[in-house]
């Protein structure tokens, strides 16, 4: 069910893609932004970009933490990789690769 809904959202958004390991993959993304929060002990980075990717479009070994990708002509570092319940959608939490 979630995969079908995500495909519809991708289509409605014009099938946005990110480039990882030289290949383009369709995804949905939150608004790309950047910022820091002052927390105890210093500044903590907010996620600059959150991507949702259907597992079906990825190779068997998908994006990994510390790798980079390009979305909207901007390079990001993958800081966290998660999977939504049901195991059909990968969630990539990314930050500007220069930070």
Protein backbone atom coordinates (compact mmCIF):
# COMPACT_ATOMS: atom_id res chain seq x y z
CA UNK A 1 0.00 0.00 0.00
CA UNK A 2 2.69 2.51 0.98
CA UNK A 3 4.70 1.70 -2.15
CA UNK A 4 1.74 2.42 -4.41
CA UNK A 5 1.07 5.70 -2.61
CA UNK A 6 4.72 6.70 -2.83
CA UNK A 7 4.72 6.03 -6.60
CA UNK A 8 1.72 8.37 -6.94
CA UNK A 9 3.47 11.06 -4.92
CA UNK A 10 6.62 10.67 -7.05
CA UNK A 11 4.55 11.09 -10.20
CA UNK A 12 2.74 14.16 -8.81
CA UNK A 13 6.11 15.73 -7.94
CA UNK A 14 7.48 15.12 -11.44
CA UNK A 15 9.54 12.04 -10.51
CA UNK A 16 12.40 13.79 -8.66
CA UNK A 17 15.67 11.87 -8.52
CA UNK A 18 18.92 11.78 -6.61
CA UNK A 19 22.22 10.51 -7.98
CA UNK A 20 24.12 7.94 -5.98
CA UNK A 21 27.05 5.84 -7.22
CA UNK A 22 26.62 7.26 -10.72
CA UNK A 23 22.96 6.27 -11.10
CA UNK A 24 19.73 8.27 -10.77
CA UNK A 25 17.00 6.96 -8.45
CA UNK A 26 13.47 8.29 -8.10
CA UNK A 27 12.58 9.54 -4.64
CA UNK A 28 10.44 11.90 -2.62
CA UNK A 29 12.12 14.58 -0.56
CA UNK A 30 11.36 17.00 2.18
CA UNK A 31 12.33 20.61 1.64
CA UNK A 32 16.10 20.96 1.42
CA UNK A 33 17.36 23.31 4.12
CA UNK A 34 20.23 23.72 6.52
CA UNK A 35 20.70 24.85 10.06
CA UNK A 36 22.11 24.17 13.47
CA UNK A 37 20.55 23.97 16.92
CA UNK A 38 22.41 25.12 19.99
CA UNK A 39 22.36 22.22 22.42
CA UNK A 40 24.21 21.34 25.58
CA UNK A 41 27.80 20.80 24.56
CA UNK A 42 27.65 22.83 21.33
CA UNK A 43 25.83 22.95 18.06
CA UNK A 44 23.94 19.99 16.59
CA UNK A 45 23.19 19.82 12.88
CA UNK A 46 19.60 19.52 11.73
CA UNK A 47 19.03 17.19 8.81
CA UNK A 48 19.41 19.22 5.62
CA UNK A 49 17.53 16.69 3.50
CA UNK A 50 15.28 13.71 4.12
CA UNK A 51 14.75 11.34 1.17
CA UNK A 52 12.22 8.49 0.92
CA UNK A 53 13.16 5.86 -1.65
CA UNK A 54 11.24 2.74 -2.66
CA UNK A 55 13.46 -0.29 -2.03
CA UNK A 56 12.28 -1.72 -5.36
CA UNK A 57 14.20 0.94 -7.32
CA UNK A 58 17.52 0.36 -5.49
CA UNK A 59 20.16 -2.32 -6.03
CA UNK A 60 20.46 -5.08 -3.38
CA UNK A 61 23.09 -3.07 -1.49
CA UNK A 62 21.77 0.48 -1.36
CA UNK A 63 23.15 3.77 -0.04
CA UNK A 64 25.18 3.58 3.16
CA UNK A 65 26.09 5.98 5.97
CA UNK A 66 29.01 8.33 5.10
CA UNK A 67 28.49 7.94 1.36
CA UNK A 68 27.47 10.94 -0.72
CA UNK A 69 24.64 11.64 -3.14
CA UNK A 70 23.53 14.57 -5.27
CA UNK A 71 20.03 16.02 -5.08
CA UNK A 72 18.97 19.20 -6.88
CA UNK A 73 22.59 19.83 -7.96
CA UNK A 74 23.82 19.83 -4.35
CA UNK A 75 26.07 17.22 -2.76
CA UNK A 76 24.92 15.62 0.51
CA UNK A 77 26.47 13.17 2.96
CA UNK A 78 24.26 10.32 4.18
CA UNK A 79 24.24 10.47 7.98
CA UNK A 80 21.53 7.91 8.73
CA UNK A 81 19.82 5.12 6.82
CA UNK A 82 16.50 3.76 8.06
CA UNK A 83 13.67 1.62 6.81
CA UNK A 84 9.98 2.37 7.32
CA UNK A 85 7.79 -0.35 8.87
CA UNK A 86 6.98 -2.96 6.25
CA UNK A 87 10.49 -2.82 4.79
CA UNK A 88 9.50 -1.27 1.46
CA UNK A 89 10.83 2.29 1.88
CA UNK A 90 14.35 3.44 2.69
CA UNK A 91 14.75 6.77 4.53
CA UNK A 92 17.98 8.68 3.99
CA UNK A 93 18.84 11.46 6.43
CA UNK A 94 21.39 13.70 4.74
CA UNK A 95 23.43 16.80 5.47
CA UNK A 96 25.50 19.15 3.33
CA UNK A 97 28.65 17.24 2.38
CA UNK A 98 30.86 20.23 3.25
CA UNK A 99 29.78 20.37 6.91
